Amino acid sequence: MKIAIPDNHGEVNQHFGQSTSFAIIEIDGDNRIACIDTVSAVGLQHMHEGLAEMLKKQGVGVVIVGGIGQGAIDGLESQGLKVLFGASGSVKDVAETFARGEFVSRRVACNHHGGYHHHHHG
């Protein structure tokens, strides 16, 4: 199984849509990390379908994120990817926790894209 985690210098990037690289982690049949590759997502920031397609082409089945907006969730799920929420800290630690079956997904929605903050000037 392969999982993807937005990577910011070895730490989980808390802003999925701003991620410029992803750790692609292969987990073997013994629930251990077989390998970790980093793939560039430069130019795909905030392009939810593009990111989802790129991850799908890498063979990813599960994406583990910190914070993420609904548009990105929809884009990932439309490609058949499972999204787990609330990750923080070291990418390797999160991957190991997931491999052991101990990762607990905690939904933390990002609403900083301002859809409800309309200012009217008279």
N, C-alpha and C. Protein backbone atom coordinates (compact mmCIF):
# COMPACT_ATOMS: atom_id res chain seq x y z
N MET A 1 0.84 -1.19 0.00
CA MET A 1 0.00 0.00 0.00
C MET A 1 0.88 1.24 0.00
N LYS A 2 0.44 2.26 -0.72
CA LYS A 2 1.15 3.53 -0.73
C LYS A 2 0.27 4.62 -0.14
N ILE A 3 0.90 5.45 0.69
CA ILE A 3 0.21 6.61 1.25
C ILE A 3 0.99 7.86 0.85
N ALA A 4 0.32 8.99 0.88
CA ALA A 4 0.96 10.27 0.59
C ALA A 4 0.72 11.23 1.74
N ILE A 5 1.75 12.01 2.06
CA ILE A 5 1.65 13.01 3.12
C ILE A 5 2.28 14.29 2.58
N PRO A 6 1.58 15.44 2.67
CA PRO A 6 2.19 16.70 2.24
C PRO A 6 3.41 16.99 3.11
N ASP A 7 4.55 17.22 2.47
CA ASP A 7 5.83 17.29 3.15
C ASP A 7 6.37 18.72 3.14
N ASN A 8 6.77 19.19 4.31
CA ASN A 8 7.41 20.50 4.43
C ASN A 8 8.70 20.30 5.22
N HIS A 9 9.77 19.94 4.53
CA HIS A 9 11.07 19.69 5.16
C HIS A 9 10.99 18.63 6.25
N GLY A 10 10.30 17.52 5.94
CA GLY A 10 10.21 16.41 6.88
C GLY A 10 9.05 16.48 7.86
N GLU A 11 8.35 17.60 7.87
CA GLU A 11 7.19 17.77 8.74
C GLU A 11 5.93 17.76 7.88
N VAL A 12 4.80 17.40 8.49
CA VAL A 12 3.52 17.42 7.76
C VAL A 12 3.16 18.88 7.48
N ASN A 13 2.96 19.20 6.20
CA ASN A 13 2.54 20.55 5.83
C ASN A 13 1.08 20.71 6.24
N GLN A 14 0.80 21.70 7.07
CA GLN A 14 -0.55 21.88 7.60
C GLN A 14 -1.50 22.53 6.60
N HIS A 15 -0.98 23.01 5.49
CA HIS A 15 -1.82 23.65 4.46
C HIS A 15 -1.69 22.83 3.19
N PHE A 16 -2.54 21.83 3.05
CA PHE A 16 -2.47 20.89 1.93
C PHE A 16 -2.34 21.60 0.58
N GLY A 17 -3.18 22.61 0.35
CA GLY A 17 -3.22 23.28 -0.93
C GLY A 17 -1.97 24.06 -1.27
N GLN A 18 -1.12 24.34 -0.27
CA GLN A 18 0.11 25.08 -0.50
C GLN A 18 1.34 24.16 -0.59
N SER A 19 1.13 22.86 -0.52
CA SER A 19 2.25 21.92 -0.51
C SER A 19 2.97 21.90 -1.85
N THR A 20 4.30 21.94 -1.78
CA THR A 20 5.11 21.87 -3.00
C THR A 20 5.77 20.50 -3.15
N SER A 21 5.64 19.65 -2.14
CA SER A 21 6.14 18.28 -2.28
C SER A 21 5.34 17.35 -1.38
N PHE A 22 5.33 16.08 -1.78
CA PHE A 22 4.62 15.06 -1.04
C PHE A 22 5.55 13.89 -0.79
N ALA A 23 5.49 13.34 0.41
CA ALA A 23 6.18 12.09 0.70
C ALA A 23 5.26 10.96 0.26
N ILE A 24 5.78 10.08 -0.60
CA ILE A 24 5.04 8.90 -1.03
C ILE A 24 5.67 7.73 -0.28
N ILE A 25 4.90 7.12 0.60
CA ILE A 25 5.43 6.09 1.50
C ILE A 25 4.81 4.75 1.17
N GLU A 26 5.67 3.78 0.92
CA GLU A 26 5.20 2.43 0.65
C GLU A 26 5.26 1.63 1.94
N ILE A 27 4.15 0.99 2.27
CA ILE A 27 4.07 0.18 3.49
C ILE A 27 3.99 -1.28 3.06
N ASP A 28 4.88 -2.09 3.61
CA ASP A 28 4.94 -3.50 3.20
C ASP A 28 3.93 -4.34 3.96
N GLY A 29 3.90 -5.63 3.68
CA GLY A 29 2.94 -6.54 4.29
C GLY A 29 3.14 -6.75 5.78
N ASP A 30 4.31 -6.34 6.29
CA ASP A 30 4.57 -6.46 7.73
C ASP A 30 4.25 -5.16 8.47
N ASN A 31 3.50 -4.28 7.81
CA ASN A 31 3.13 -2.99 8.41
C ASN A 31 4.34 -2.15 8.77
N ARG A 32 5.34 -2.20 7.89
CA ARG A 32 6.53 -1.37 8.08
C ARG A 32 6.73 -0.50 6.84
N ILE A 33 7.46 0.59 7.02
CA ILE A 33 7.77 1.46 5.89
C ILE A 33 8.82 0.77 5.03
N ALA A 34 8.47 0.51 3.77
CA ALA A 34 9.40 -0.11 2.83
C ALA A 34 10.29 0.95 2.20
N CYS A 35 9.70 2.08 1.81
CA CYS A 35 10.49 3.17 1.26
C CYS A 35 9.69 4.47 1.30
N ILE A 36 10.43 5.56 1.29
CA ILE A 36 9.82 6.89 1.25
C ILE A 36 10.45 7.64 0.07
N ASP A 37 9.61 8.09 -0.85
CA ASP A 37 10.06 8.92 -1.96
C ASP A 37 9.40 10.28 -1.80
N THR A 38 10.06 11.31 -2.28
CA THR A 38 9.46 12.64 -2.28
C THR A 38 9.21 13.04 -3.72
N VAL A 39 8.00 13.47 -4.01
CA VAL A 39 7.66 13.93 -5.35
C VAL A 39 7.29 15.41 -5.29
N SER A 40 7.70 16.13 -6.31
CA SER A 40 7.42 17.56 -6.39
C SER A 40 5.98 17.79 -6.83
N ALA A 41 5.37 18.78 -6.22
CA ALA A 41 4.03 19.21 -6.64
C ALA A 41 4.09 20.68 -7.03
N VAL A 42 5.28 21.18 -7.36
CA VAL A 42 5.44 22.59 -7.73
C VAL A 42 4.56 22.88 -8.94
N GLY A 43 3.79 23.95 -8.84
CA GLY A 43 2.90 24.32 -9.92
C GLY A 43 1.50 23.74 -9.77
N LEU A 44 1.32 22.83 -8.82
CA LEU A 44 0.00 22.22 -8.61
C LEU A 44 -0.72 22.78 -7.38
N GLN A 45 -0.12 23.76 -6.70
CA GLN A 45 -0.77 24.31 -5.51
C GLN A 45 -2.17 24.80 -5.87
N HIS A 46 -3.13 24.44 -5.05
CA HIS A 46 -4.53 24.82 -5.18
C HIS A 46 -5.17 24.27 -6.46
N MET A 47 -4.51 23.33 -7.14
CA MET A 47 -5.10 22.67 -8.31
C MET A 47 -5.49 21.26 -7.88
N HIS A 48 -6.64 21.17 -7.23
CA HIS A 48 -7.02 19.95 -6.52
C HIS A 48 -7.06 18.72 -7.42
N GLU A 49 -7.63 18.85 -8.61
CA GLU A 49 -7.72 17.68 -9.49
C GLU A 49 -6.33 17.28 -9.96
N GLY A 50 -5.48 18.27 -10.25
CA GLY A 50 -4.11 17.97 -10.70
C GLY A 50 -3.33 17.23 -9.63
N LEU A 51 -3.44 17.69 -8.39
CA LEU A 51 -2.77 17.01 -7.27
C LEU A 51 -3.29 15.59 -7.12
N ALA A 52 -4.61 15.43 -7.18
CA ALA A 52 -5.20 14.11 -7.01
C ALA A 52 -4.74 13.16 -8.11
N GLU A 53 -4.71 13.64 -9.35
CA GLU A 53 -4.26 12.80 -10.45
C GLU A 53 -2.80 12.41 -10.30
N MET A 54 -1.96 13.37 -9.88
CA MET A 54 -0.54 13.10 -9.68
C MET A 54 -0.35 12.01 -8.61
N LEU A 55 -1.08 12.13 -7.51
CA LEU A 55 -0.95 11.14 -6.43
C LEU A 55 -1.47 9.77 -6.89
N LYS A 56 -2.56 9.77 -7.63
CA LYS A 56 -3.13 8.53 -8.14
C LYS A 56 -2.12 7.82 -9.06
N LYS A 57 -1.45 8.60 -9.92
CA LYS A 57 -0.44 8.02 -10.83
C LYS A 57 0.73 7.42 -10.06
N GLN A 58 0.98 7.92 -8.86
CA GLN A 58 2.05 7.39 -8.02
C GLN A 58 1.63 6.08 -7.34
N GLY A 59 0.36 5.71 -7.50
CA GLY A 59 -0.13 4.48 -6.89
C GLY A 59 -0.63 4.65 -5.47
N VAL A 60 -0.88 5.90 -5.08
CA VAL A 60 -1.32 6.21 -3.72
C VAL A 60 -2.79 5.81 -3.54
N GLY A 61 -3.12 5.27 -2.35
CA GLY A 61 -4.50 4.93 -2.02
C GLY A 61 -5.05 5.78 -0.89
N VAL A 62 -4.14 6.26 -0.02
CA VAL A 62 -4.55 7.03 1.15
C VAL A 62 -3.69 8.29 1.24
N VAL A 63 -4.34 9.43 1.49
CA VAL A 63 -3.64 10.69 1.69
C VAL A 63 -3.87 11.12 3.13
N ILE A 64 -2.78 11.36 3.86
CA ILE A 64 -2.87 11.78 5.26
C ILE A 64 -2.46 13.24 5.33
N VAL A 65 -3.35 14.08 5.84
CA VAL A 65 -3.13 15.53 5.82
C VAL A 65 -3.26 16.13 7.21
N GLY A 66 -2.79 17.37 7.33
CA GLY A 66 -3.02 18.17 8.52
C GLY A 66 -4.33 18.91 8.29
N GLY A 67 -4.23 20.13 7.77
CA GLY A 67 -5.41 20.91 7.42
C GLY A 67 -5.67 20.82 5.93
N ILE A 68 -6.95 20.85 5.57
CA ILE A 68 -7.32 20.72 4.15
C ILE A 68 -8.70 21.32 3.95
N GLY A 69 -8.90 21.96 2.82
CA GLY A 69 -10.20 22.54 2.49
C GLY A 69 -11.10 21.54 1.80
N GLN A 70 -12.39 21.84 1.77
CA GLN A 70 -13.36 20.91 1.20
C GLN A 70 -13.13 20.67 -0.29
N GLY A 71 -12.70 21.69 -1.03
CA GLY A 71 -12.43 21.52 -2.45
C GLY A 71 -11.35 20.48 -2.70
N ALA A 72 -10.30 20.52 -1.88
CA ALA A 72 -9.22 19.55 -2.02
C ALA A 72 -9.69 18.15 -1.64
N ILE A 73 -10.50 18.05 -0.60
CA ILE A 73 -11.06 16.75 -0.20
C ILE A 73 -11.87 16.18 -1.35
N ASP A 74 -12.73 17.00 -1.94
CA ASP A 74 -13.57 16.54 -3.05
C ASP A 74 -12.71 16.08 -4.22
N GLY A 75 -11.65 16.83 -4.53
CA GLY A 75 -10.77 16.47 -5.63
C GLY A 75 -10.08 15.13 -5.40
N LEU A 76 -9.60 14.91 -4.19
CA LEU A 76 -8.93 13.65 -3.86
C LEU A 76 -9.92 12.48 -3.89
N GLU A 77 -11.07 12.68 -3.26
CA GLU A 77 -12.05 11.60 -3.20
C GLU A 77 -12.61 11.26 -4.58
N SER A 78 -12.65 12.25 -5.48
CA SER A 78 -13.15 11.98 -6.84
C SER A 78 -12.22 11.04 -7.60
N GLN A 79 -10.95 10.96 -7.17
CA GLN A 79 -9.99 10.05 -7.77
C GLN A 79 -9.93 8.71 -7.01
N GLY A 80 -10.84 8.56 -6.03
CA GLY A 80 -10.88 7.30 -5.28
C GLY A 80 -9.88 7.22 -4.15
N LEU A 81 -9.31 8.37 -3.79
CA LEU A 81 -8.33 8.39 -2.69
C LEU A 81 -9.06 8.57 -1.36
N LYS A 82 -8.58 7.86 -0.35
CA LYS A 82 -9.12 8.00 0.99
C LYS A 82 -8.33 9.11 1.69
N VAL A 83 -9.01 10.02 2.38
CA VAL A 83 -8.36 11.14 3.05
C VAL A 83 -8.49 10.98 4.55
N LEU A 84 -7.36 11.04 5.25
CA LEU A 84 -7.34 11.02 6.71
C LEU A 84 -6.81 12.37 7.19
N PHE A 85 -7.38 12.86 8.29
CA PHE A 85 -7.15 14.23 8.72
C PHE A 85 -6.43 14.32 10.07
N GLY A 86 -5.87 15.50 10.32
CA GLY A 86 -5.38 15.83 11.65
C GLY A 86 -3.95 15.43 11.93
N ALA A 87 -3.16 15.12 10.90
CA ALA A 87 -1.77 14.72 11.11
C ALA A 87 -0.92 15.94 11.45
N SER A 88 0.09 15.74 12.28
CA SER A 88 1.05 16.80 12.57
C SER A 88 2.37 16.17 13.00
N GLY A 89 3.41 16.96 12.93
CA GLY A 89 4.73 16.47 13.32
C GLY A 89 5.49 15.87 12.16
N SER A 90 6.36 14.93 12.48
CA SER A 90 7.24 14.32 11.50
C SER A 90 6.48 13.42 10.54
N VAL A 91 6.77 13.57 9.24
CA VAL A 91 6.15 12.73 8.21
C VAL A 91 6.41 11.26 8.52
N LYS A 92 7.65 10.92 8.90
CA LYS A 92 8.01 9.53 9.17
C LYS A 92 7.23 8.99 10.37
N ASP A 93 7.08 9.79 11.42
CA ASP A 93 6.32 9.35 12.60
C ASP A 93 4.86 9.09 12.24
N VAL A 94 4.27 9.99 11.45
CA VAL A 94 2.87 9.82 11.04
C VAL A 94 2.73 8.54 10.21
N ALA A 95 3.67 8.32 9.28
CA ALA A 95 3.62 7.11 8.44
C ALA A 95 3.75 5.85 9.27
N GLU A 96 4.64 5.87 10.26
CA GLU A 96 4.81 4.69 11.12
C GLU A 96 3.56 4.44 11.96
N THR A 97 2.95 5.50 12.46
CA THR A 97 1.72 5.37 13.23
C THR A 97 0.61 4.76 12.37
N PHE A 98 0.50 5.24 11.12
CA PHE A 98 -0.49 4.70 10.20
C PHE A 98 -0.20 3.22 9.90
N ALA A 99 1.05 2.90 9.65
CA ALA A 99 1.43 1.52 9.31
C ALA A 99 1.06 0.55 10.43
N ARG A 100 1.17 1.01 11.67
CA ARG A 100 0.82 0.17 12.83
C ARG A 100 -0.69 0.12 13.06
N GLY A 101 -1.46 0.89 12.28
CA GLY A 101 -2.91 0.92 12.46
C GLY A 101 -3.35 1.77 13.62
N GLU A 102 -2.49 2.72 14.03
CA GLU A 102 -2.79 3.53 15.22
C GLU A 102 -3.14 4.97 14.90
N PHE A 103 -3.16 5.34 13.61
CA PHE A 103 -3.47 6.73 13.27
C PHE A 103 -4.96 6.97 13.43
N VAL A 104 -5.31 8.04 14.14
CA VAL A 104 -6.70 8.41 14.35
C VAL A 104 -6.99 9.67 13.55
N SER A 105 -7.90 9.56 12.59
CA SER A 105 -8.25 10.70 11.75
C SER A 105 -9.15 11.66 12.54
N ARG A 106 -8.73 12.92 12.59
CA ARG A 106 -9.51 13.96 13.27
C ARG A 106 -9.79 15.06 12.26
N ARG A 107 -11.04 15.27 11.97
CA ARG A 107 -11.42 16.23 10.94
C ARG A 107 -11.18 17.66 11.43
N VAL A 108 -10.32 18.37 10.72
CA VAL A 108 -10.07 19.78 10.99
C VAL A 108 -10.22 20.50 9.66
N ALA A 109 -11.36 21.13 9.47
CA ALA A 109 -11.62 21.77 8.19
C ALA A 109 -10.91 23.11 8.11
N CYS A 110 -10.41 23.43 6.95
CA CYS A 110 -9.79 24.73 6.69
C CYS A 110 -10.83 25.61 6.03
N ASN A 111 -11.16 26.71 6.64
CA ASN A 111 -12.12 27.61 6.04
C ASN A 111 -11.51 28.98 5.78
N HIS A 112 -10.20 29.01 5.53
CA HIS A 112 -9.54 30.31 5.37
C HIS A 112 -9.62 30.85 3.95
N HIS A 113 -10.43 30.24 3.10
CA HIS A 113 -10.52 30.75 1.74
C HIS A 113 -11.63 31.77 1.58
N GLY A 114 -12.29 32.14 2.68
CA GLY A 114 -13.10 33.33 2.72
C GLY A 114 -14.41 33.35 1.98
N GLY A 115 -15.02 32.22 1.72
CA GLY A 115 -16.26 32.20 0.96
C GLY A 115 -17.40 32.97 1.61
N TYR A 116 -17.34 33.20 2.90
CA TYR A 116 -18.46 33.84 3.60
C TYR A 116 -18.14 35.25 4.06
N HIS A 117 -17.02 35.78 3.64
CA HIS A 117 -16.60 37.10 4.13
C HIS A 117 -16.75 38.14 3.03
N HIS A 118 -17.99 38.48 2.73
CA HIS A 118 -18.24 39.47 1.70
C HIS A 118 -18.39 40.82 2.36
N HIS A 119 -17.64 41.78 1.87
CA HIS A 119 -17.72 43.14 2.42
C HIS A 119 -18.41 44.02 1.38
N HIS A 120 -19.41 44.73 1.82
CA HIS A 120 -20.13 45.62 0.92
C HIS A 120 -19.77 47.05 1.24
N HIS A 121 -19.37 47.75 0.23
CA HIS A 121 -19.03 49.16 0.42
C HIS A 121 -20.10 49.99 -0.25
N GLY A 122 -20.66 50.93 0.49
CA GLY A 122 -21.78 51.70 -0.03
C GLY A 122 -21.41 52.98 -0.56
